[in-house]
N, C-alpha and C. Protein backbone atom coordinates (compact mmCIF):
# COMPACT_ATOMS: atom_id res chain seq x y z
N MET A 1 128.51 117.57 -44.62
CA MET A 1 127.92 117.18 -43.35
C MET A 1 127.75 115.24 -43.45
N GLY A 2 128.00 114.65 -42.78
CA GLY A 2 127.39 112.93 -42.81
C GLY A 2 125.73 113.22 -42.24
N PHE A 3 125.44 112.14 -42.23
CA PHE A 3 124.20 111.82 -41.66
C PHE A 3 124.37 112.08 -40.02
N LYS A 4 125.52 111.22 -39.54
CA LYS A 4 125.54 110.93 -38.00
C LYS A 4 125.40 112.66 -37.69
N ASP A 5 126.11 113.95 -38.47
CA ASP A 5 126.15 115.32 -37.85
C ASP A 5 124.93 115.26 -38.14
N ILE A 6 124.26 115.08 -39.17
CA ILE A 6 122.78 116.13 -38.88
C ILE A 6 121.88 115.15 -37.52
N PHE A 7 122.29 114.13 -37.41
CA PHE A 7 121.25 113.35 -36.21
C PHE A 7 122.18 114.10 -35.16
N LYS A 8 123.35 114.01 -34.82
CA LYS A 8 123.63 115.06 -34.07
C LYS A 8 123.07 116.49 -33.49
N THR A 9 122.78 117.22 -34.57
CA THR A 9 122.43 118.28 -34.92
C THR A 9 121.09 118.53 -34.46
N ALA A 10 120.32 117.59 -35.01
CA ALA A 10 118.94 117.46 -35.26
C ALA A 10 118.19 116.90 -33.94
N PHE A 11 118.81 116.17 -32.94
CA PHE A 11 118.60 115.48 -31.71
C PHE A 11 119.88 114.97 -30.85
N PRO A 12 120.18 116.29 -30.28
CA PRO A 12 121.04 116.56 -29.19
C PRO A 12 121.20 115.79 -28.62
N PHE A 13 120.45 115.63 -27.99
CA PHE A 13 120.10 114.51 -25.96
C PHE A 13 120.19 113.48 -26.87
N LEU A 14 119.92 112.80 -27.97
CA LEU A 14 119.75 110.80 -28.04
C LEU A 14 121.56 110.74 -28.65
N SER A 15 121.62 112.16 -29.61
CA SER A 15 122.78 111.71 -30.07
C SER A 15 123.86 112.00 -28.15
N ALA A 16 124.10 112.60 -28.29
CA ALA A 16 124.75 112.72 -26.72
C ALA A 16 124.67 111.54 -26.13
N ALA A 17 123.12 111.04 -25.58
CA ALA A 17 123.46 110.04 -24.77
C ALA A 17 124.13 109.08 -25.48
N ALA A 18 124.19 108.86 -27.19
CA ALA A 18 124.06 107.28 -27.52
C ALA A 18 125.99 107.14 -27.90
N SER A 19 126.62 108.37 -27.85
CA SER A 19 128.18 109.33 -27.74
C SER A 19 128.53 108.34 -26.28
N LEU A 20 127.67 108.74 -25.43
CA LEU A 20 128.45 108.03 -23.99
C LEU A 20 127.93 106.53 -23.73
N GLY A 21 127.23 105.76 -24.54
CA GLY A 21 127.26 105.01 -24.44
C GLY A 21 126.91 103.92 -22.75
N GLY A 22 126.77 103.19 -22.71
CA GLY A 22 126.55 102.38 -21.00
C GLY A 22 125.05 102.62 -20.88
N PRO A 23 124.57 102.60 -19.59
CA PRO A 23 122.92 103.06 -19.65
C PRO A 23 122.79 104.28 -20.39
N LEU A 24 123.08 105.32 -20.53
CA LEU A 24 122.20 106.64 -21.12
C LEU A 24 122.38 106.04 -22.36
N GLY A 25 123.55 105.56 -23.16
CA GLY A 25 123.31 105.03 -24.53
C GLY A 25 121.60 103.98 -24.61
N SER A 26 121.81 103.05 -23.76
CA SER A 26 120.60 102.12 -23.79
C SER A 26 119.76 102.69 -23.82
N MET A 27 119.38 104.13 -22.66
CA MET A 27 118.56 104.80 -22.50
C MET A 27 117.99 105.41 -24.07
N ALA A 28 119.06 105.73 -24.26
CA ALA A 28 118.75 106.50 -25.95
C ALA A 28 118.05 105.55 -27.01
N ALA A 29 118.78 104.75 -27.19
CA ALA A 29 118.52 103.59 -28.37
C ALA A 29 116.88 102.59 -27.78
N ASN A 30 116.66 102.26 -26.48
CA ASN A 30 115.30 102.34 -25.78
C ASN A 30 114.24 103.42 -26.61
N ALA A 31 114.80 104.59 -26.27
CA ALA A 31 113.81 106.00 -26.33
C ALA A 31 113.57 105.93 -28.14
N VAL A 32 114.69 105.78 -29.02
CA VAL A 32 114.39 105.69 -30.41
C VAL A 32 113.70 104.56 -30.98
N GLY A 33 113.65 103.57 -30.20
CA GLY A 33 112.91 102.05 -30.64
C GLY A 33 111.88 102.57 -30.24
N LYS A 34 111.33 103.00 -29.00
CA LYS A 34 109.80 103.51 -29.06
C LYS A 34 109.15 104.32 -29.81
N ALA A 35 110.05 105.47 -30.10
CA ALA A 35 109.08 106.39 -30.69
C ALA A 35 109.23 106.00 -32.59
N LEU A 36 110.07 104.96 -32.99
CA LEU A 36 109.82 104.69 -34.17
C LEU A 36 108.92 102.96 -34.90
N GLY A 37 108.70 102.68 -33.21
CA GLY A 37 108.24 101.48 -33.08
C GLY A 37 108.90 100.23 -33.74
N ILE A 38 110.17 100.13 -33.56
CA ILE A 38 110.99 99.23 -33.87
C ILE A 38 111.36 98.95 -32.63
N ASP A 39 112.13 97.44 -32.74
CA ASP A 39 113.40 97.10 -31.17
C ASP A 39 114.15 98.00 -31.56
N PRO A 40 114.43 98.20 -30.26
CA PRO A 40 115.61 98.61 -29.88
C PRO A 40 117.12 98.70 -30.73
N PRO A 41 117.53 99.44 -31.00
CA PRO A 41 119.44 99.19 -31.37
C PRO A 41 119.63 98.44 -30.44
N SER A 42 120.28 97.49 -30.88
CA SER A 42 121.12 96.51 -29.56
C SER A 42 122.81 97.29 -29.14
N LYS A 43 122.95 98.20 -30.19
CA LYS A 43 124.20 99.07 -29.35
C LYS A 43 124.11 100.72 -29.69
N ALA A 44 124.24 101.64 -28.80
CA ALA A 44 124.13 103.06 -28.93
C ALA A 44 125.23 103.20 -30.24
N GLU A 45 125.71 102.92 -30.99
CA GLU A 45 126.29 103.27 -32.29
C GLU A 45 125.37 102.92 -33.26
N ASP A 46 124.64 102.02 -33.37
CA ASP A 46 124.01 101.66 -34.07
C ASP A 46 122.47 102.46 -34.12
N ILE A 47 122.26 103.32 -33.47
CA ILE A 47 120.79 104.42 -33.15
C ILE A 47 120.73 105.18 -34.20
N SER A 48 121.63 105.99 -35.27
CA SER A 48 121.87 106.87 -36.27
C SER A 48 121.31 105.52 -37.36
N ASP A 49 122.10 105.05 -37.72
CA ASP A 49 121.67 103.74 -38.60
C ASP A 49 120.11 103.38 -38.68
N ALA A 50 119.46 103.09 -37.29
CA ALA A 50 118.52 102.59 -37.33
C ALA A 50 117.56 104.08 -37.35
N VAL A 51 117.27 105.23 -37.38
CA VAL A 51 117.01 106.30 -38.01
C VAL A 51 117.36 106.63 -39.05
N ALA A 52 118.56 106.24 -39.60
CA ALA A 52 118.66 106.60 -41.19
C ALA A 52 117.79 105.56 -42.28
N LEU A 53 117.47 103.86 -41.48
CA LEU A 53 116.85 103.56 -42.04
C LEU A 53 114.96 103.76 -42.07
N ALA A 54 114.75 103.93 -41.02
CA ALA A 54 113.18 104.53 -40.58
C ALA A 54 112.67 105.28 -41.21
N THR A 55 113.62 106.65 -41.06
CA THR A 55 113.06 107.72 -41.59
C THR A 55 113.01 107.00 -43.69
N THR A 56 113.72 106.96 -43.96
CA THR A 56 113.22 106.37 -45.70
C THR A 56 112.31 105.86 -45.28
N LYS A 57 111.35 105.12 -44.61
CA LYS A 57 110.32 104.45 -44.72
C LYS A 57 109.04 104.85 -44.40
N ASP A 58 109.13 106.04 -43.13
CA ASP A 58 108.33 106.51 -42.67
C ASP A 58 108.36 108.02 -42.75
N PRO A 59 107.47 108.87 -42.93
CA PRO A 59 107.68 110.20 -43.23
C PRO A 59 107.39 111.11 -42.21
N ASP A 60 106.52 110.46 -41.14
CA ASP A 60 106.81 110.95 -39.76
C ASP A 60 107.70 110.92 -38.86
N ALA A 61 108.29 110.04 -39.07
CA ALA A 61 109.63 109.48 -38.23
C ALA A 61 110.27 110.52 -38.23
N LEU A 62 110.41 111.64 -38.27
CA LEU A 62 111.58 112.90 -38.02
C LEU A 62 110.94 113.57 -36.63
N LEU A 63 109.68 113.87 -36.94
CA LEU A 63 108.95 114.22 -36.30
C LEU A 63 108.43 113.46 -34.55
N LYS A 64 108.39 112.35 -34.78
CA LYS A 64 108.67 111.38 -33.90
C LYS A 64 109.85 111.27 -32.80
N LEU A 65 111.02 111.45 -33.86
CA LEU A 65 112.33 111.55 -32.73
C LEU A 65 112.40 112.53 -32.27
N LYS A 66 111.77 114.25 -32.63
CA LYS A 66 111.94 114.98 -32.24
C LYS A 66 111.39 115.23 -31.23
N GLN A 67 110.42 114.52 -31.21
CA GLN A 67 109.13 114.15 -29.42
C GLN A 67 109.99 113.18 -28.68
N ALA A 68 110.75 112.25 -29.08
CA ALA A 68 111.51 111.26 -28.42
C ALA A 68 112.49 112.35 -28.05
N ASP A 69 113.12 113.01 -28.88
CA ASP A 69 114.56 114.21 -28.13
C ASP A 69 114.27 114.68 -26.94
N GLN A 70 112.85 115.65 -27.11
CA GLN A 70 111.99 116.00 -26.20
C GLN A 70 111.81 115.86 -24.78
N ASP A 71 111.55 114.51 -24.83
CA ASP A 71 110.91 113.51 -23.94
C ASP A 71 112.28 113.53 -23.13
N PHE A 72 113.12 112.70 -23.84
CA PHE A 72 114.65 112.42 -23.59
C PHE A 72 115.40 113.58 -22.51
N SER A 73 115.57 114.70 -22.84
CA SER A 73 115.83 115.83 -22.63
C SER A 73 115.50 115.99 -21.34
N ILE A 74 113.78 115.90 -21.10
CA ILE A 74 113.30 116.13 -19.70
C ILE A 74 113.88 115.13 -18.46
N GLN A 75 113.69 113.88 -19.10
CA GLN A 75 114.39 112.65 -18.71
C GLN A 75 115.58 112.68 -17.96
N MET A 76 116.73 113.33 -18.88
CA MET A 76 118.20 113.59 -18.50
C MET A 76 118.08 114.68 -17.93
N ALA A 77 117.61 115.86 -17.55
CA ALA A 77 117.65 116.98 -17.28
C ALA A 77 117.07 116.33 -15.27
N LYS A 78 116.22 115.44 -15.53
CA LYS A 78 115.80 114.87 -14.01
C LYS A 78 117.08 114.34 -13.43
N LEU A 79 117.79 113.52 -14.56
CA LEU A 79 119.50 113.14 -14.09
C LEU A 79 120.59 113.69 -13.47
N GLY A 80 120.31 115.41 -14.01
CA GLY A 80 121.14 116.32 -13.85
C GLY A 80 121.64 116.89 -15.07
N PHE A 81 121.44 116.10 -16.48
CA PHE A 81 121.98 117.03 -17.34
C PHE A 81 121.05 117.38 -18.03
N ASP A 82 121.39 119.05 -17.88
CA ASP A 82 120.19 120.30 -18.31
C ASP A 82 120.57 120.45 -19.66
N SER A 83 122.10 120.01 -20.40
CA SER A 83 122.42 120.41 -21.93
C SER A 83 122.79 118.87 -22.54
N ALA A 84 122.36 119.13 -23.83
CA ALA A 84 123.76 117.77 -24.50
C ALA A 84 124.80 118.10 -24.37
N ALA A 85 125.53 119.42 -24.65
CA ALA A 85 126.62 119.62 -24.11
C ALA A 85 127.49 119.23 -23.11
N LYS A 86 126.67 119.37 -21.97
CA LYS A 86 127.04 118.51 -20.75
C LYS A 86 127.29 117.10 -20.56
N MET A 87 126.54 116.53 -21.15
CA MET A 87 126.65 115.13 -21.39
C MET A 87 127.55 114.72 -22.25
N GLU A 88 128.75 115.98 -23.57
CA GLU A 88 129.17 115.65 -24.75
C GLU A 88 130.67 116.03 -23.82
N GLU A 89 130.79 116.74 -22.31
CA GLU A 89 131.48 117.10 -21.72
C GLU A 89 132.43 115.80 -20.85
N LEU A 90 131.10 114.83 -21.15
CA LEU A 90 131.40 113.59 -20.06
C LEU A 90 132.32 112.76 -20.70
N VAL A 91 131.47 112.67 -21.86
CA VAL A 91 132.53 112.22 -23.35
C VAL A 91 133.92 112.11 -23.07
N ASP A 92 134.46 113.71 -23.21
CA ASP A 92 135.76 114.46 -23.70
C ASP A 92 136.44 113.92 -22.48
N GLN A 93 135.74 114.42 -20.99
CA GLN A 93 136.59 114.17 -20.25
C GLN A 93 136.99 112.39 -19.62
N ASP A 94 136.06 111.90 -19.61
CA ASP A 94 136.26 110.37 -20.04
C ASP A 94 137.58 109.90 -20.66
N ARG A 95 137.67 110.75 -22.23
CA ARG A 95 138.67 110.31 -22.74
C ARG A 95 140.24 110.76 -22.01
N SER A 96 139.97 111.92 -22.09
CA SER A 96 140.81 112.68 -21.65
C SER A 96 141.66 112.08 -20.09
N ASN A 97 140.68 111.81 -19.25
CA ASN A 97 141.30 111.05 -18.13
C ASN A 97 142.00 109.63 -18.35
N ALA A 98 141.45 108.71 -19.21
CA ALA A 98 141.94 107.59 -20.22
C ALA A 98 143.38 108.24 -20.73
N ARG A 99 143.52 109.29 -21.31
CA ARG A 99 144.81 109.10 -21.86
C ARG A 99 146.15 109.66 -20.94
N ALA A 100 145.67 110.70 -19.91
CA ALA A 100 146.10 111.46 -18.90
C ALA A 100 146.16 109.51 -18.08
N ARG A 101 145.74 109.29 -17.58
CA ARG A 101 146.53 108.29 -17.06
C ARG A 101 146.92 107.23 -17.60
N GLU A 102 147.03 106.78 -18.52
CA GLU A 102 147.68 106.37 -20.14
C GLU A 102 149.89 106.71 -19.76
N ILE A 103 149.37 108.29 -19.76
CA ILE A 103 150.75 109.09 -19.66
C ILE A 103 151.23 109.09 -18.69
N ALA A 104 150.18 109.25 -17.45
CA ALA A 104 151.45 108.93 -16.27
C ALA A 104 151.62 107.32 -15.89
N VAL A 105 150.69 106.36 -15.92
CA VAL A 105 151.14 105.32 -16.02
C VAL A 105 152.47 104.48 -16.83
N LYS A 106 152.42 105.09 -17.91
CA LYS A 106 153.06 104.75 -18.98
C LYS A 106 152.84 103.44 -19.51
N ASP A 107 151.57 102.57 -19.13
CA ASP A 107 150.54 101.46 -19.52
C ASP A 107 150.78 101.58 -21.22
N LYS A 108 151.29 100.40 -21.57
CA LYS A 108 151.51 100.00 -22.77
C LYS A 108 150.16 98.99 -22.79
N VAL A 109 149.64 99.07 -22.31
CA VAL A 109 148.26 98.01 -22.89
C VAL A 109 147.15 98.44 -23.95
N PRO A 110 146.80 99.40 -23.34
CA PRO A 110 146.14 100.30 -24.70
C PRO A 110 146.53 100.21 -25.75
N ALA A 111 147.96 100.15 -25.79
CA ALA A 111 148.48 100.56 -27.32
C ALA A 111 148.48 99.13 -27.80
N ILE A 112 148.85 97.59 -26.80
CA ILE A 112 148.91 96.66 -27.51
C ILE A 112 147.66 95.89 -27.68
N LEU A 113 146.28 96.64 -27.61
CA LEU A 113 145.11 96.06 -27.41
C LEU A 113 145.08 96.77 -28.83
N ALA A 114 145.08 98.20 -29.20
CA ALA A 114 144.87 99.04 -30.28
C ALA A 114 145.20 98.19 -31.26
N ILE A 115 146.70 97.63 -31.51
CA ILE A 115 147.46 96.98 -32.23
C ILE A 115 147.21 95.78 -32.94
N SER A 116 146.56 95.22 -31.74
CA SER A 116 145.76 93.81 -32.09
C SER A 116 144.55 94.06 -32.59
N VAL A 117 143.44 94.60 -32.23
CA VAL A 117 142.59 95.06 -32.63
C VAL A 117 142.78 95.52 -34.22
N THR A 118 143.46 95.92 -34.38
CA THR A 118 143.68 96.40 -35.99
C THR A 118 144.28 95.55 -36.79
N ALA A 119 144.82 94.65 -36.29
CA ALA A 119 145.83 93.86 -37.36
C ALA A 119 144.56 92.87 -37.45
N GLY A 120 143.49 92.40 -35.92
CA GLY A 120 142.56 91.23 -36.36
C GLY A 120 141.81 91.96 -36.94
N PHE A 121 141.23 92.85 -36.94
CA PHE A 121 140.40 93.57 -38.10
C PHE A 121 140.46 93.68 -39.58
N PHE A 122 141.71 94.17 -39.87
CA PHE A 122 142.42 94.49 -41.37
C PHE A 122 142.34 92.75 -41.74
N GLY A 123 143.16 92.08 -40.93
CA GLY A 123 143.31 90.77 -41.30
C GLY A 123 142.18 89.56 -41.40
N LEU A 124 141.26 89.86 -40.38
CA LEU A 124 140.18 88.91 -41.32
C LEU A 124 139.36 89.88 -42.17
N LEU A 125 138.95 90.86 -42.53
CA LEU A 125 138.88 91.79 -43.46
C LEU A 125 139.33 91.24 -44.81
N THR A 126 140.83 91.29 -44.50
CA THR A 126 141.87 90.60 -45.55
C THR A 126 141.40 89.09 -45.99
N LEU A 127 141.25 88.44 -44.94
CA LEU A 127 140.81 87.15 -45.39
C LEU A 127 139.69 86.72 -46.13
N MET A 128 138.92 87.47 -45.75
CA MET A 128 137.57 87.23 -46.24
C MET A 128 137.41 87.68 -47.73
N SER A 129 137.96 88.87 -47.91
CA SER A 129 138.14 89.52 -49.16
C SER A 129 138.36 88.52 -50.27
N TYR A 130 139.62 87.67 -49.63
CA TYR A 130 140.41 86.73 -50.69
C TYR A 130 140.07 85.43 -50.54
N HIS A 131 139.57 84.79 -49.62
CA HIS A 131 139.12 83.23 -49.05
C HIS A 131 137.50 82.82 -49.39
N THR A 132 137.23 82.32 -49.62
CA THR A 132 135.88 81.55 -49.27
C THR A 132 135.12 80.88 -48.02
N VAL A 133 134.40 81.79 -47.30
CA VAL A 133 134.26 81.01 -45.89
C VAL A 133 133.03 80.42 -46.28
N PRO A 134 133.62 78.85 -45.33
CA PRO A 134 132.69 78.20 -45.31
C PRO A 134 131.66 78.50 -44.69
N ALA A 135 130.20 77.72 -45.02
CA ALA A 135 129.00 78.32 -44.83
C ALA A 135 128.65 78.12 -42.99
N GLY A 136 129.46 77.11 -42.37
CA GLY A 136 129.25 77.21 -40.90
C GLY A 136 129.83 78.19 -40.13
N ALA A 137 130.95 78.75 -40.94
CA ALA A 137 131.60 80.13 -40.05
C ALA A 137 131.60 81.34 -40.63
N HIS A 138 130.46 81.19 -41.77
CA HIS A 138 130.38 82.66 -42.01
C HIS A 138 129.39 83.74 -41.29
N ASP A 139 128.45 83.45 -40.13
CA ASP A 139 127.78 84.08 -39.61
C ASP A 139 128.78 84.57 -37.99
N ILE A 140 129.59 83.41 -38.36
CA ILE A 140 130.78 83.69 -37.01
C ILE A 140 131.77 84.56 -37.18
N LEU A 141 132.12 84.35 -38.36
CA LEU A 141 132.84 85.78 -38.83
C LEU A 141 132.80 86.88 -39.22
N ILE A 142 131.43 87.06 -39.71
CA ILE A 142 130.36 88.17 -39.59
C ILE A 142 130.06 88.98 -38.53
N GLY A 143 130.03 88.52 -36.99
CA GLY A 143 129.65 88.71 -36.09
C GLY A 143 130.97 89.34 -35.42
N MET A 144 132.01 88.29 -35.90
CA MET A 144 133.73 88.84 -35.32
C MET A 144 133.79 89.85 -35.67
N LEU A 145 133.96 90.09 -37.32
CA LEU A 145 134.49 91.66 -38.14
C LEU A 145 133.38 92.48 -37.06
N GLY A 146 132.24 92.45 -37.02
CA GLY A 146 131.31 93.35 -36.94
C GLY A 146 132.13 94.00 -34.97
N SER A 147 132.10 93.09 -34.37
CA SER A 147 132.74 93.76 -33.11
C SER A 147 133.88 94.05 -33.07
N LEU A 148 135.30 93.54 -33.88
CA LEU A 148 136.26 94.23 -34.51
C LEU A 148 136.42 95.50 -34.78
N GLY A 149 135.34 95.78 -35.74
CA GLY A 149 135.34 97.10 -36.74
C GLY A 149 134.79 98.06 -35.57
N THR A 150 133.66 97.82 -34.61
CA THR A 150 133.59 98.82 -33.83
C THR A 150 134.33 98.64 -32.84
N ALA A 151 135.30 97.82 -32.20
CA ALA A 151 136.56 98.41 -31.62
C ALA A 151 136.87 99.31 -31.92
N TRP A 152 137.63 98.67 -33.59
CA TRP A 152 138.51 99.54 -33.75
C TRP A 152 138.12 101.24 -34.49
N ILE A 153 136.82 101.90 -34.15
CA ILE A 153 136.60 102.75 -34.64
C ILE A 153 136.49 103.12 -33.19
N ALA A 154 136.47 102.55 -32.32
CA ALA A 154 136.84 103.25 -30.10
C ALA A 154 138.08 103.58 -30.62
N ILE A 155 138.48 102.58 -31.17
CA ILE A 155 140.52 103.27 -30.63
C ILE A 155 140.48 104.30 -31.95
N ILE A 156 139.96 103.81 -32.94
CA ILE A 156 140.65 105.14 -33.76
C ILE A 156 139.34 107.04 -33.04
N SER A 157 138.80 107.11 -32.27
CA SER A 157 137.90 107.92 -31.55
C SER A 157 138.95 108.32 -30.54
N TYR A 158 139.26 106.87 -29.48
CA TYR A 158 140.43 107.87 -28.20
C TYR A 158 141.62 107.95 -28.63
N TYR A 159 142.58 107.38 -29.96
CA TYR A 159 143.76 108.21 -30.01
C TYR A 159 143.53 109.40 -31.04
N PHE A 160 142.51 109.76 -31.65
CA PHE A 160 142.11 110.69 -33.28
C PHE A 160 140.89 111.34 -32.60
N GLY A 161 140.15 110.77 -32.62
CA GLY A 161 139.13 112.02 -32.14
C GLY A 161 138.90 113.25 -31.61
N SER A 162 139.09 113.51 -30.23
CA SER A 162 138.71 114.73 -29.47
C SER A 162 140.40 115.33 -30.29
N SER A 163 141.09 114.99 -30.27
CA SER A 163 142.33 115.89 -30.69
C SER A 163 141.99 116.53 -31.82
N ALA A 164 141.69 115.60 -32.44
CA ALA A 164 140.61 116.14 -34.32
C ALA A 164 140.05 117.77 -34.00
N GLY A 165 138.94 117.05 -33.10
CA GLY A 165 138.02 118.32 -33.11
C GLY A 165 138.76 118.86 -32.12
N SER A 166 139.46 119.01 -31.64
CA SER A 166 140.12 120.46 -30.83
C SER A 166 140.68 120.94 -31.53
N ALA A 167 141.58 120.47 -32.81
CA ALA A 167 141.95 121.02 -34.07
C ALA A 167 141.05 121.99 -34.26
N LYS A 168 140.42 121.15 -35.16
CA LYS A 168 139.20 121.77 -35.59
C LYS A 168 138.50 123.24 -35.32
N LYS A 169 138.75 123.15 -33.87
CA LYS A 169 137.72 124.10 -32.87
C LYS A 169 138.81 125.40 -33.02
N THR A 170 140.30 125.02 -32.71
CA THR A 170 140.91 125.87 -32.94
C THR A 170 141.54 126.85 -34.33
N ASP A 171 141.40 125.94 -35.07
CA ASP A 171 141.18 126.29 -36.55
C ASP A 171 139.78 127.72 -36.67
N MET A 172 138.98 127.12 -36.57
CA MET A 172 137.69 128.05 -36.72
C MET A 172 137.68 129.08 -35.63
N MET A 173 138.18 129.08 -34.40
CA MET A 173 138.50 130.23 -33.86
C MET A 173 139.37 130.96 -34.35
N MET A 174 140.51 130.81 -34.68
CA MET A 174 141.60 131.48 -35.16
C MET A 174 141.04 132.00 -36.62
N ARG A 175 140.85 131.43 -37.41
CA ARG A 175 140.06 131.66 -38.62
C ARG A 175 138.85 133.23 -37.98
N ALA A 176 138.34 133.04 -37.18
CA ALA A 176 136.75 134.38 -36.88
C ALA A 176 137.89 135.35 -35.85
N GLN A 177 138.98 134.71 -35.51
CA GLN A 177 139.50 136.25 -34.94
C GLN A 177 139.89 136.82 -36.17
N SER A 178 140.58 136.07 -37.00
CA SER A 178 141.58 136.67 -38.11
C SER A 178 140.41 138.02 -39.05
N ASN A 179 138.92 137.68 -38.58
CA ASN A 179 137.95 138.29 -39.90
C ASN A 179 137.34 139.45 -38.75
N GLN A 180 137.64 139.41 -37.85
CA GLN A 180 137.25 140.64 -36.75
C GLN A 180 138.41 141.94 -36.80
């Protein structure tokens, strides 16, 4: 179990909102920043990294985050999200709808973008590994690498994320039935 899994278990509402991204992800990032007394993470994906760093520096950080998650759950209930699972269902539905659209329309653009981002990410990573980066371009290339890496993670999640989770759930259910 990795830190992100622990974060998801310990702080279900903040984690679910971060998974959704967009306005709810920004709200989660702001709640984490406020609870920890830090600048909110700029991207929802960076929330668990900020939490990991803060908990190594502040022994009370977990208590502050637990309170922030409870306060956030109240805020989300007012918006119609009475459980973190309901929020996570939105992520799954969004991904399923995108996949269904891609199948129905036979749209090649997502696949072309996925291949382009993958080639760009690993190409830039290889280039930076084997060549000296000019000082003036270093920060730009690091930013570009971070953006491509984030996009690549989203692509992998889109194409393999929920399918892998569904396969794991199916396997667990089969094992549970065979144990009865």
